[in-house]
Amino acid sequence: MSYTAEERGSLHGSDYALFLKNADGEYVSPFHDIPMYADEQQNIFHVVIEVPRWTNAKMEITKSSALNPITQDVKKGKLRYVANVFPHKGYIWNYGAIPQTWEDPSHKDPDTGCVGDNDPIDVCEIGTKVYSRGEVIKVKVLGILAMIDEGETDWKVIVINVDDPEASELNDISDVKRLKPGYLDATVDWFRRYKVPDGKPENQFAFNGEFKDKDFAINTIKSTNTSWKALISGQSVPGDVSCKNTTVSPSDSPGHCSAAEANIIVNEKSPPAPAEAIPSSVSKCYYYVRK
């Protein structure tokens, strides 16, 4: 199963939107239409890349927009870029999400004691390649980190592309600690401090910032898939989440729409245009004493 990206508007502009098409050329939602599993028997999952490694633009699957295109997050009327908090530059992994998962904001996680953050579950891909925004890759799960962001559970799944040269050597979180020394510590540090330049406090973590292993991570992903099934079927209140999709059976999803309707949704967006310049302030590096 393959997918291609179609960009609308201007990259780094307020009208930017990246839509996905399946192999038949039909628009799909990266949230709802791409199967969670690439191979269920082998526990191989799909991941949609939102942010390529080393970049700063905070791109994400837009849960409130029809067909959930990838757009740049906006806060207080400004496009968001993550700060470079020394010694980090942009995102230090390929960052994305597992489709057909949802961290339910009405459900208190028994492990963290906090409700979900209302998003698909986040992923940090730690392989050797830098991926493109909108790429859909197949990954194996290595472990998971439980970040607490302003009182909400925000899981971070550590994965590697199954086709990566290092994939055969990385099978659980203990392998990451052994073969990529410092990477997991840097990951906790990144998530702890990335909002500090914006005047926010440091983020906190469940389990004292310790990563849980592969089995725990897979069980967590499966739990968020159960929540997604309740969302897409209308059993859970969607709130600001758009459940527009083109592949889930209409009998299982009130949000199902036709290919023709999906075309209308995309064609209402701005036509493709040249990228806008990234503000020079994005290259600034921030230093501060760790607490």
C-alpha atoms as a PDB file:
ATOM      1  CA  MET A   1       0.000   0.000   0.000  1.00  0.00           C
ATOM      2  CA  SER A   2       1.540   3.279  -1.092  1.00  0.00           C
ATOM      3  CA  TYR A   3       0.648   6.920  -0.584  1.00  0.00           C
ATOM      4  CA  THR A   4       1.658  10.172  -2.234  1.00  0.00           C
ATOM      5  CA  ALA A   5       1.603  13.717  -0.893  1.00  0.00           C
ATOM      6  CA  GLU A   6      -0.069  16.686  -2.534  1.00  0.00           C
ATOM      7  CA  GLU A   7       0.812  20.140  -1.232  1.00  0.00           C
ATOM      8  CA  ARG A   8      -1.486  23.138  -1.394  1.00  0.00           C
ATOM      9  CA  GLY A   9      -0.669  26.753  -0.578  1.00  0.00           C
ATOM     10  CA  SER A  10       2.843  27.902   0.342  1.00  0.00           C
ATOM     11  CA  LEU A  11       5.149  25.917   2.591  1.00  0.00           C
ATOM     12  CA  HIS A  12       5.733  28.004   5.750  1.00  0.00           C
ATOM     13  CA  GLY A  13       2.656  30.046   4.872  1.00  0.00           C
ATOM     14  CA  SER A  14      -0.655  30.199   6.713  1.00  0.00           C
ATOM     15  CA  ASP A  15      -2.460  28.536   3.768  1.00  0.00           C
ATOM     16  CA  TYR A  16      -0.173  25.492   3.595  1.00  0.00           C
ATOM     17  CA  ALA A  17      -1.872  22.080   3.624  1.00  0.00           C
ATOM     18  CA  LEU A  18      -0.492  18.667   2.675  1.00  0.00           C
ATOM     19  CA  PHE A  19      -3.040  16.040   1.646  1.00  0.00           C
ATOM     20  CA  LEU A  20      -2.423  12.336   1.043  1.00  0.00           C
ATOM     21  CA  LYS A  21      -3.612  10.158  -1.835  1.00  0.00           C
ATOM     22  CA  ASN A  22      -3.732   6.373  -1.936  1.00  0.00           C
ATOM     23  CA  ALA A  23      -2.467   4.177  -4.782  1.00  0.00           C
ATOM     24  CA  ASP A  24      -5.748   4.718  -6.659  1.00  0.00           C
ATOM     25  CA  GLY A  25      -5.231   8.488  -6.618  1.00  0.00           C
ATOM     26  CA  GLU A  26      -8.036   9.085  -4.115  1.00  0.00           C
ATOM     27  CA  TYR A  27      -7.647  11.502  -1.228  1.00  0.00           C
ATOM     28  CA  VAL A  28      -7.436   9.917   2.215  1.00  0.00           C
ATOM     29  CA  SER A  29      -7.215  11.141   5.776  1.00  0.00           C
ATOM     30  CA  PRO A  30      -3.823  10.412   7.390  1.00  0.00           C
ATOM     31  CA  PHE A  31      -5.685  10.219  10.698  1.00  0.00           C
ATOM     32  CA  HIS A  32      -8.509   7.851   9.747  1.00  0.00           C
ATOM     33  CA  ASP A  33      -7.899   6.100   6.416  1.00  0.00           C
ATOM     34  CA  ILE A  34      -4.368   4.723   6.608  1.00  0.00           C
ATOM     35  CA  PRO A  35      -4.437   1.401   8.474  1.00  0.00           C
ATOM     36  CA  MET A  36      -2.693   1.384  11.828  1.00  0.00           C
ATOM     37  CA  TYR A  37      -1.045  -1.937  11.014  1.00  0.00           C
ATOM     38  CA  ALA A  38       1.240  -2.571   8.075  1.00  0.00           C
ATOM     39  CA  ASP A  39       1.537  -6.183   9.297  1.00  0.00           C
ATOM     40  CA  GLU A  40      -0.537  -7.084  12.348  1.00  0.00           C
ATOM     41  CA  GLN A  41       1.024 -10.510  12.881  1.00  0.00           C
ATOM     42  CA  GLN A  42       4.510  -8.983  13.066  1.00  0.00           C
ATOM     43  CA  ASN A  43       3.383  -5.865  14.984  1.00  0.00           C
ATOM     44  CA  ILE A  44       4.560  -3.599  12.163  1.00  0.00           C
ATOM     45  CA  PHE A  45       2.825  -0.213  12.191  1.00  0.00           C
ATOM     46  CA  HIS A  46       2.331   2.619   9.716  1.00  0.00           C
ATOM     47  CA  VAL A  47       3.659   6.045  10.624  1.00  0.00           C
ATOM     48  CA  VAL A  48       2.851   9.320   8.879  1.00  0.00           C
ATOM     49  CA  ILE A  49       5.855  11.673   8.959  1.00  0.00           C
ATOM     50  CA  GLU A  50       4.840  15.189   9.976  1.00  0.00           C
ATOM     51  CA  VAL A  51       8.248  16.757  10.708  1.00  0.00           C
ATOM     52  CA  PRO A  52      11.537  15.683   9.078  1.00  0.00           C
ATOM     53  CA  ARG A  53      14.529  15.463  11.412  1.00  0.00           C
ATOM     54  CA  TRP A  54      16.534  18.694  11.955  1.00  0.00           C
ATOM     55  CA  THR A  55      13.684  20.962  10.835  1.00  0.00           C
ATOM     56  CA  ASN A  56      11.832  23.426  13.098  1.00  0.00           C
ATOM     57  CA  ALA A  57       8.394  24.033  11.586  1.00  0.00           C
ATOM     58  CA  LYS A  58       5.787  22.500  13.898  1.00  0.00           C
ATOM     59  CA  MET A  59       3.742  20.551  11.379  1.00  0.00           C
ATOM     60  CA  GLU A  60       0.958  18.216  12.439  1.00  0.00           C
ATOM     61  CA  ILE A  61      -2.056  16.273  11.268  1.00  0.00           C
ATOM     62  CA  THR A  62      -4.825  18.831  11.682  1.00  0.00           C
ATOM     63  CA  LYS A  63      -7.517  17.028  13.600  1.00  0.00           C
ATOM     64  CA  SER A  64     -10.133  19.771  13.214  1.00  0.00           C
ATOM     65  CA  SER A  65      -9.950  20.051   9.387  1.00  0.00           C
ATOM     66  CA  ALA A  66     -11.800  17.793   6.942  1.00  0.00           C
ATOM     67  CA  LEU A  67      -9.493  14.985   5.722  1.00  0.00           C
ATOM     68  CA  ASN A  68      -6.987  16.085   8.385  1.00  0.00           C
ATOM     69  CA  PRO A  69      -4.224  17.553   6.174  1.00  0.00           C
ATOM     70  CA  ILE A  70      -0.777  18.222   7.607  1.00  0.00           C
ATOM     71  CA  THR A  71      -0.502  21.943   8.339  1.00  0.00           C
ATOM     72  CA  GLN A  72       1.785  24.204  10.347  1.00  0.00           C
ATOM     73  CA  ASP A  73       0.503  24.853  13.839  1.00  0.00           C
ATOM     74  CA  VAL A  74      -0.498  28.408  14.684  1.00  0.00           C
ATOM     75  CA  LYS A  75      -0.395  30.029  18.107  1.00  0.00           C
ATOM     76  CA  LYS A  76      -1.485  33.589  18.857  1.00  0.00           C
ATOM     77  CA  GLY A  77      -1.775  34.219  15.139  1.00  0.00           C
ATOM     78  CA  LYS A  78       1.791  33.153  14.343  1.00  0.00           C
ATOM     79  CA  LEU A  79       3.109  30.043  12.649  1.00  0.00           C
ATOM     80  CA  ARG A  80       4.917  27.870  15.164  1.00  0.00           C
ATOM     81  CA  TYR A  81       8.542  26.800  15.009  1.00  0.00           C
ATOM     82  CA  VAL A  82      10.195  24.811  17.790  1.00  0.00           C
ATOM     83  CA  ALA A  83      13.119  26.609  19.378  1.00  0.00           C
ATOM     84  CA  ASN A  84      16.692  25.358  19.227  1.00  0.00           C
ATOM     85  CA  VAL A  85      17.416  24.689  22.888  1.00  0.00           C
ATOM     86  CA  PHE A  86      21.149  24.028  23.153  1.00  0.00           C
ATOM     87  CA  PRO A  87      22.513  21.544  22.185  1.00  0.00           C
ATOM     88  CA  HIS A  88      19.537  20.562  20.009  1.00  0.00           C
ATOM     89  CA  LYS A  89      18.725  21.735  16.468  1.00  0.00           C
ATOM     90  CA  GLY A  90      15.061  21.438  15.498  1.00  0.00           C
ATOM     91  CA  TYR A  91      13.471  18.017  15.929  1.00  0.00           C
ATOM     92  CA  ILE A  92      16.111  15.390  16.696  1.00  0.00           C
ATOM     93  CA  TRP A  93      14.162  12.515  15.112  1.00  0.00           C
ATOM     94  CA  ASN A  94      11.703  12.107  12.268  1.00  0.00           C
ATOM     95  CA  TYR A  95       8.502  13.039  14.056  1.00  0.00           C
ATOM     96  CA  GLY A  96       5.057  11.797  13.167  1.00  0.00           C
ATOM     97  CA  ALA A  97       1.986   9.866  14.249  1.00  0.00           C
ATOM     98  CA  ILE A  98       0.441   6.423  14.021  1.00  0.00           C
ATOM     99  CA  PRO A  99      -2.854   6.564  12.095  1.00  0.00           C
ATOM    100  CA  GLN A 100      -6.100   5.208  13.517  1.00  0.00           C
ATOM    101  CA  THR A 101      -5.053   6.037  17.081  1.00  0.00           C
ATOM    102  CA  TRP A 102      -6.501   8.675  19.394  1.00  0.00           C
ATOM    103  CA  GLU A 103      -5.576   9.796  22.896  1.00  0.00           C
ATOM    104  CA  ASP A 104      -9.065  10.293  24.299  1.00  0.00           C
ATOM    105  CA  PRO A 105      -9.339  13.576  26.272  1.00  0.00           C
ATOM    106  CA  SER A 106     -12.211  12.140  28.332  1.00  0.00           C
ATOM    107  CA  HIS A 107     -10.251   9.062  29.414  1.00  0.00           C
ATOM    108  CA  LYS A 108      -7.881   9.163  32.380  1.00  0.00           C
ATOM    109  CA  ASP A 109      -4.922   6.925  31.650  1.00  0.00           C
ATOM    110  CA  PRO A 110      -4.460   4.422  34.510  1.00  0.00           C
ATOM    111  CA  ASP A 111      -0.664   4.586  34.193  1.00  0.00           C
ATOM    112  CA  THR A 112      -0.257   8.372  34.135  1.00  0.00           C
ATOM    113  CA  GLY A 113      -3.377   9.550  35.979  1.00  0.00           C
ATOM    114  CA  CYS A 114      -3.968  12.147  33.239  1.00  0.00           C
ATOM    115  CA  VAL A 115      -6.409  12.377  30.342  1.00  0.00           C
ATOM    116  CA  GLY A 116      -5.343  12.069  26.709  1.00  0.00           C
ATOM    117  CA  ASP A 117      -4.255  15.044  24.593  1.00  0.00           C
ATOM    118  CA  ASN A 118      -6.909  14.596  21.858  1.00  0.00           C
ATOM    119  CA  ASP A 119      -4.369  13.699  19.132  1.00  0.00           C
ATOM    120  CA  PRO A 120      -3.130  10.600  17.326  1.00  0.00           C
ATOM    121  CA  ILE A 121      -0.282   9.000  19.238  1.00  0.00           C
ATOM    122  CA  ASP A 122       3.097  10.638  18.519  1.00  0.00           C
ATOM    123  CA  VAL A 123       6.157   8.878  17.155  1.00  0.00           C
ATOM    124  CA  CYS A 124       9.905   9.517  17.144  1.00  0.00           C
ATOM    125  CA  GLU A 125      11.603   7.556  14.344  1.00  0.00           C
ATOM    126  CA  ILE A 126      15.290   7.120  15.193  1.00  0.00           C
ATOM    127  CA  GLY A 127      16.764   5.512  12.086  1.00  0.00           C
ATOM    128  CA  THR A 128      19.498   6.737   9.771  1.00  0.00           C
ATOM    129  CA  LYS A 129      17.399   8.474   7.108  1.00  0.00           C
ATOM    130  CA  VAL A 130      15.717  11.882   7.055  1.00  0.00           C
ATOM    131  CA  TYR A 131      12.194  11.425   5.699  1.00  0.00           C
ATOM    132  CA  SER A 132       9.969  13.839   3.843  1.00  0.00           C
ATOM    133  CA  ARG A 133       6.846  15.425   5.248  1.00  0.00           C
ATOM    134  CA  GLY A 134       3.860  13.250   4.365  1.00  0.00           C
ATOM    135  CA  GLU A 135       5.841  10.044   3.832  1.00  0.00           C
ATOM    136  CA  VAL A 136       4.127   6.920   5.129  1.00  0.00           C
ATOM    137  CA  ILE A 137       6.620   4.388   6.454  1.00  0.00           C
ATOM    138  CA  LYS A 138       6.459   0.966   8.106  1.00  0.00           C
ATOM    139  CA  VAL A 139       8.023   0.734  11.548  1.00  0.00           C
ATOM    140  CA  LYS A 140       8.672  -1.581  14.427  1.00  0.00           C
ATOM    141  CA  VAL A 141       8.098  -0.317  17.937  1.00  0.00           C
ATOM    142  CA  LEU A 142      10.977  -0.138  20.422  1.00  0.00           C
ATOM    143  CA  GLY A 143       9.560   1.628  23.480  1.00  0.00           C
ATOM    144  CA  ILE A 144       7.570   4.579  24.757  1.00  0.00           C
ATOM    145  CA  LEU A 145       7.898   7.718  26.887  1.00  0.00           C
ATOM    146  CA  ALA A 146       4.993   9.195  28.868  1.00  0.00           C
ATOM    147  CA  MET A 147       5.199  12.989  28.704  1.00  0.00           C
ATOM    148  CA  ILE A 148       2.756  15.046  30.741  1.00  0.00           C
ATOM    149  CA  ASP A 149       1.991  18.247  28.837  1.00  0.00           C
ATOM    150  CA  GLU A 150      -0.078  20.787  30.780  1.00  0.00           C
ATOM    151  CA  GLY A 151      -1.891  18.026  32.639  1.00  0.00           C
ATOM    152  CA  GLU A 152      -2.485  15.785  29.610  1.00  0.00           C
ATOM    153  CA  THR A 153      -0.915  12.460  28.668  1.00  0.00           C
ATOM    154  CA  ASP A 154       1.163  12.802  25.505  1.00  0.00           C
ATOM    155  CA  TRP A 155       2.765   9.464  24.673  1.00  0.00           C
ATOM    156  CA  LYS A 156       5.940   9.412  22.539  1.00  0.00           C
ATOM    157  CA  VAL A 157       6.543   6.078  20.812  1.00  0.00           C
ATOM    158  CA  ILE A 158      10.136   5.253  19.834  1.00  0.00           C
ATOM    159  CA  VAL A 159      10.281   3.407  16.505  1.00  0.00           C
ATOM    160  CA  ILE A 160      12.542   2.566  13.586  1.00  0.00           C
ATOM    161  CA  ASN A 161      11.685   1.997   9.943  1.00  0.00           C
ATOM    162  CA  VAL A 162      11.748  -1.742   9.230  1.00  0.00           C
ATOM    163  CA  ASP A 163      13.879  -1.047   6.132  1.00  0.00           C
ATOM    164  CA  ASP A 164      16.519   0.958   8.001  1.00  0.00           C
ATOM    165  CA  PRO A 165      20.044  -0.532   8.012  1.00  0.00           C
ATOM    166  CA  GLU A 166      20.004  -0.474  11.825  1.00  0.00           C
ATOM    167  CA  ALA A 167      16.569  -2.095  12.208  1.00  0.00           C
ATOM    168  CA  SER A 168      17.864  -5.650  12.591  1.00  0.00           C
ATOM    169  CA  GLU A 169      19.903  -4.642  15.638  1.00  0.00           C
ATOM    170  CA  LEU A 170      17.197  -2.601  17.367  1.00  0.00           C
ATOM    171  CA  ASN A 171      14.353  -4.697  18.792  1.00  0.00           C
ATOM    172  CA  ASP A 172      13.554  -3.155  22.179  1.00  0.00           C
ATOM    173  CA  ILE A 173      14.313  -0.021  24.173  1.00  0.00           C
ATOM    174  CA  SER A 174      17.314  -1.699  25.839  1.00  0.00           C
ATOM    175  CA  ASP A 175      18.943  -1.985  22.395  1.00  0.00           C
ATOM    176  CA  VAL A 176      18.564   1.762  21.853  1.00  0.00           C
ATOM    177  CA  LYS A 177      20.267   2.430  25.186  1.00  0.00           C
ATOM    178  CA  ARG A 178      23.109   0.096  24.248  1.00  0.00           C
ATOM    179  CA  LEU A 179      23.656   1.020  20.602  1.00  0.00           C
ATOM    180  CA  LYS A 180      22.703   4.702  20.602  1.00  0.00           C
ATOM    181  CA  PRO A 181      24.084   5.931  23.929  1.00  0.00           C
ATOM    182  CA  GLY A 182      22.749   9.340  24.909  1.00  0.00           C
ATOM    183  CA  TYR A 183      19.900   9.399  22.392  1.00  0.00           C
ATOM    184  CA  LEU A 184      17.149   8.565  24.881  1.00  0.00           C
ATOM    185  CA  ASP A 185      18.531  11.005  27.461  1.00  0.00           C
ATOM    186  CA  ALA A 186      18.597  13.676  24.742  1.00  0.00           C
ATOM    187  CA  THR A 187      14.994  12.803  23.856  1.00  0.00           C
ATOM    188  CA  VAL A 188      13.809  13.368  27.430  1.00  0.00           C
ATOM    189  CA  ASP A 189      15.813  16.597  27.602  1.00  0.00           C
ATOM    190  CA  TRP A 190      14.316  17.806  24.299  1.00  0.00           C
ATOM    191  CA  PHE A 191      10.730  17.189  25.381  1.00  0.00           C
ATOM    192  CA  ARG A 192      11.363  18.571  28.852  1.00  0.00           C
ATOM    193  CA  ARG A 193      12.669  21.927  27.656  1.00  0.00           C
ATOM    194  CA  TYR A 194      11.394  22.705  24.155  1.00  0.00           C
ATOM    195  CA  LYS A 195       8.614  25.008  25.356  1.00  0.00           C
ATOM    196  CA  VAL A 196      10.741  26.953  27.842  1.00  0.00           C
ATOM    197  CA  PRO A 197      11.801  29.638  25.302  1.00  0.00           C
ATOM    198  CA  ASP A 198       8.070  30.373  24.849  1.00  0.00           C
ATOM    199  CA  GLY A 199       7.729  31.153  28.549  1.00  0.00           C
ATOM    200  CA  LYS A 200       6.267  27.776  29.486  1.00  0.00           C
ATOM    201  CA  PRO A 201       7.441  25.601  32.386  1.00  0.00           C
ATOM    202  CA  GLU A 202       9.381  22.414  31.785  1.00  0.00           C
ATOM    203  CA  ASN A 203       7.260  19.417  30.833  1.00  0.00           C
ATOM    204  CA  GLN A 204       6.977  16.539  33.270  1.00  0.00           C
ATOM    205  CA  PHE A 205       6.957  12.764  32.755  1.00  0.00           C
ATOM    206  CA  ALA A 206       5.316   9.713  34.230  1.00  0.00           C
ATOM    207  CA  PHE A 207       7.553   6.872  35.437  1.00  0.00           C
ATOM    208  CA  ASN A 208      10.210   9.463  36.412  1.00  0.00           C
ATOM    209  CA  GLY A 209      11.064   9.964  32.751  1.00  0.00           C
ATOM    210  CA  GLU A 210      11.961   6.311  32.212  1.00  0.00           C
ATOM    211  CA  PHE A 211      11.143   4.688  28.880  1.00  0.00           C
ATOM    212  CA  LYS A 212       8.858   1.664  28.947  1.00  0.00           C
ATOM    213  CA  ASP A 213       9.659  -1.339  26.762  1.00  0.00           C
ATOM    214  CA  LYS A 214       8.292  -2.561  23.442  1.00  0.00           C
ATOM    215  CA  ASP A 215       5.485  -4.691  24.891  1.00  0.00           C
ATOM    216  CA  PHE A 216       4.207  -1.825  27.037  1.00  0.00           C
ATOM    217  CA  ALA A 217       4.365   0.481  24.029  1.00  0.00           C
ATOM    218  CA  ILE A 218       2.421  -1.886  21.773  1.00  0.00           C
ATOM    219  CA  ASN A 219      -0.279  -2.319  24.403  1.00  0.00           C
ATOM    220  CA  THR A 220      -0.546   1.466  24.701  1.00  0.00           C
ATOM    221  CA  ILE A 221      -0.883   1.833  20.924  1.00  0.00           C
ATOM    222  CA  LYS A 222      -3.605  -0.824  20.865  1.00  0.00           C
ATOM    223  CA  SER A 223      -5.459   1.050  23.606  1.00  0.00           C
ATOM    224  CA  THR A 224      -5.392   4.280  21.582  1.00  0.00           C
ATOM    225  CA  ASN A 225      -6.661   2.326  18.568  1.00  0.00           C
ATOM    226  CA  THR A 226      -9.632   1.166  20.639  1.00  0.00           C
ATOM    227  CA  SER A 227     -10.305   4.807  21.502  1.00  0.00           C
ATOM    228  CA  TRP A 228     -10.069   5.731  17.809  1.00  0.00           C
ATOM    229  CA  LYS A 229     -12.610   3.050  16.888  1.00  0.00           C
ATOM    230  CA  ALA A 230     -15.051   4.596  19.361  1.00  0.00           C
ATOM    231  CA  LEU A 231     -14.319   8.025  17.875  1.00  0.00           C
ATOM    232  CA  ILE A 232     -14.749   7.083  14.203  1.00  0.00           C
ATOM    233  CA  SER A 233     -17.940   5.115  14.889  1.00  0.00           C
ATOM    234  CA  GLY A 234     -19.557   8.004  16.751  1.00  0.00           C
ATOM    235  CA  GLN A 235     -19.573   6.233  20.130  1.00  0.00           C
ATOM    236  CA  SER A 236     -17.238   8.899  21.550  1.00  0.00           C
ATOM    237  CA  VAL A 237     -17.994  12.605  21.294  1.00  0.00           C
ATOM    238  CA  PRO A 238     -15.565  13.942  18.641  1.00  0.00           C
ATOM    239  CA  GLY A 239     -15.429  17.507  19.947  1.00  0.00           C
ATOM    240  CA  ASP A 240     -13.242  19.464  17.523  1.00  0.00           C
ATOM    241  CA  VAL A 241     -12.018  16.334  15.707  1.00  0.00           C
ATOM    242  CA  SER A 242     -13.109  15.954  12.084  1.00  0.00           C
ATOM    243  CA  CYS A 243     -13.912  12.329  11.286  1.00  0.00           C
ATOM    244  CA  LYS A 244     -14.207  12.840   7.527  1.00  0.00           C
ATOM    245  CA  ASN A 245     -12.799   9.774   5.798  1.00  0.00           C
ATOM    246  CA  THR A 246     -13.058   7.988   2.466  1.00  0.00           C
ATOM    247  CA  THR A 247     -12.301   4.344   3.277  1.00  0.00           C
ATOM    248  CA  VAL A 248     -14.013   3.406   6.544  1.00  0.00           C
ATOM    249  CA  SER A 249     -17.332   1.728   5.822  1.00  0.00           C
ATOM    250  CA  PRO A 250     -20.295   4.160   6.008  1.00  0.00           C
ATOM    251  CA  SER A 251     -22.008   1.699   8.331  1.00  0.00           C
ATOM    252  CA  ASP A 252     -19.059   2.000  10.736  1.00  0.00           C
ATOM    253  CA  SER A 253     -18.431   5.733  10.380  1.00  0.00           C
ATOM    254  CA  PRO A 254     -20.907   8.628  10.184  1.00  0.00           C
ATOM    255  CA  GLY A 255     -18.012  10.726   8.843  1.00  0.00           C
ATOM    256  CA  HIS A 256     -17.538   8.702   5.662  1.00  0.00           C
ATOM    257  CA  CYS A 257     -17.532  10.819   2.504  1.00  0.00           C
ATOM    258  CA  SER A 258     -17.322  10.049  -1.209  1.00  0.00           C
ATOM    259  CA  ALA A 259     -14.262  10.553  -3.392  1.00  0.00           C
ATOM    260  CA  ALA A 260     -16.130  13.387  -5.118  1.00  0.00           C
ATOM    261  CA  GLU A 261     -16.736  15.145  -1.814  1.00  0.00           C
ATOM    262  CA  ALA A 262     -13.071  14.682  -0.883  1.00  0.00           C
ATOM    263  CA  ASN A 263     -12.066  16.324  -4.169  1.00  0.00           C
ATOM    264  CA  ILE A 264     -14.239  19.322  -3.337  1.00  0.00           C
ATOM    265  CA  ILE A 265     -12.630  19.633   0.118  1.00  0.00           C
ATOM    266  CA  VAL A 266      -9.113  19.684  -1.375  1.00  0.00           C
ATOM    267  CA  ASN A 267      -9.974  21.965  -4.291  1.00  0.00           C
ATOM    268  CA  GLU A 268     -11.326  24.584  -1.881  1.00  0.00           C
ATOM    269  CA  LYS A 269      -7.766  25.035  -0.614  1.00  0.00           C
ATOM    270  CA  SER A 270      -5.229  27.427  -2.106  1.00  0.00           C
ATOM    271  CA  PRO A 271      -3.420  26.216  -5.238  1.00  0.00           C
ATOM    272  CA  PRO A 272       0.228  25.205  -4.883  1.00  0.00           C
ATOM    273  CA  ALA A 273       2.578  28.198  -4.589  1.00  0.00           C
ATOM    274  CA  PRO A 274       6.286  28.826  -3.912  1.00  0.00           C
ATOM    275  CA  ALA A 275       7.468  28.359  -0.337  1.00  0.00           C
ATOM    276  CA  GLU A 276       7.692  31.386   1.912  1.00  0.00           C
ATOM    277  CA  ALA A 277      10.936  32.306   3.668  1.00  0.00           C
ATOM    278  CA  ILE A 278      11.568  30.914   7.141  1.00  0.00           C
ATOM    279  CA  PRO A 279      12.002  33.792   9.630  1.00  0.00           C
ATOM    280  CA  SER A 280      15.643  34.390  10.541  1.00  0.00           C
ATOM    281  CA  SER A 281      14.714  34.162  14.241  1.00  0.00           C
ATOM    282  CA  VAL A 282      14.144  30.413  13.807  1.00  0.00           C
ATOM    283  CA  SER A 283      17.915  29.843  13.630  1.00  0.00           C
ATOM    284  CA  LYS A 284      18.472  31.368  17.082  1.00  0.00           C
ATOM    285  CA  CYS A 285      19.865  29.052  19.767  1.00  0.00           C
ATOM    286  CA  TYR A 286      18.606  29.285  23.366  1.00  0.00           C
ATOM    287  CA  TYR A 287      20.700  28.601  26.442  1.00  0.00           C
ATOM    288  CA  TYR A 288      19.576  28.289  30.014  1.00  0.00           C
ATOM    289  CA  VAL A 289      20.496  26.476  33.199  1.00  0.00           C
ATOM    290  CA  ARG A 290      18.719  23.161  33.558  1.00  0.00           C
ATOM    291  CA  LYS A 291      16.587  22.818  36.681  1.00  0.00           C
END
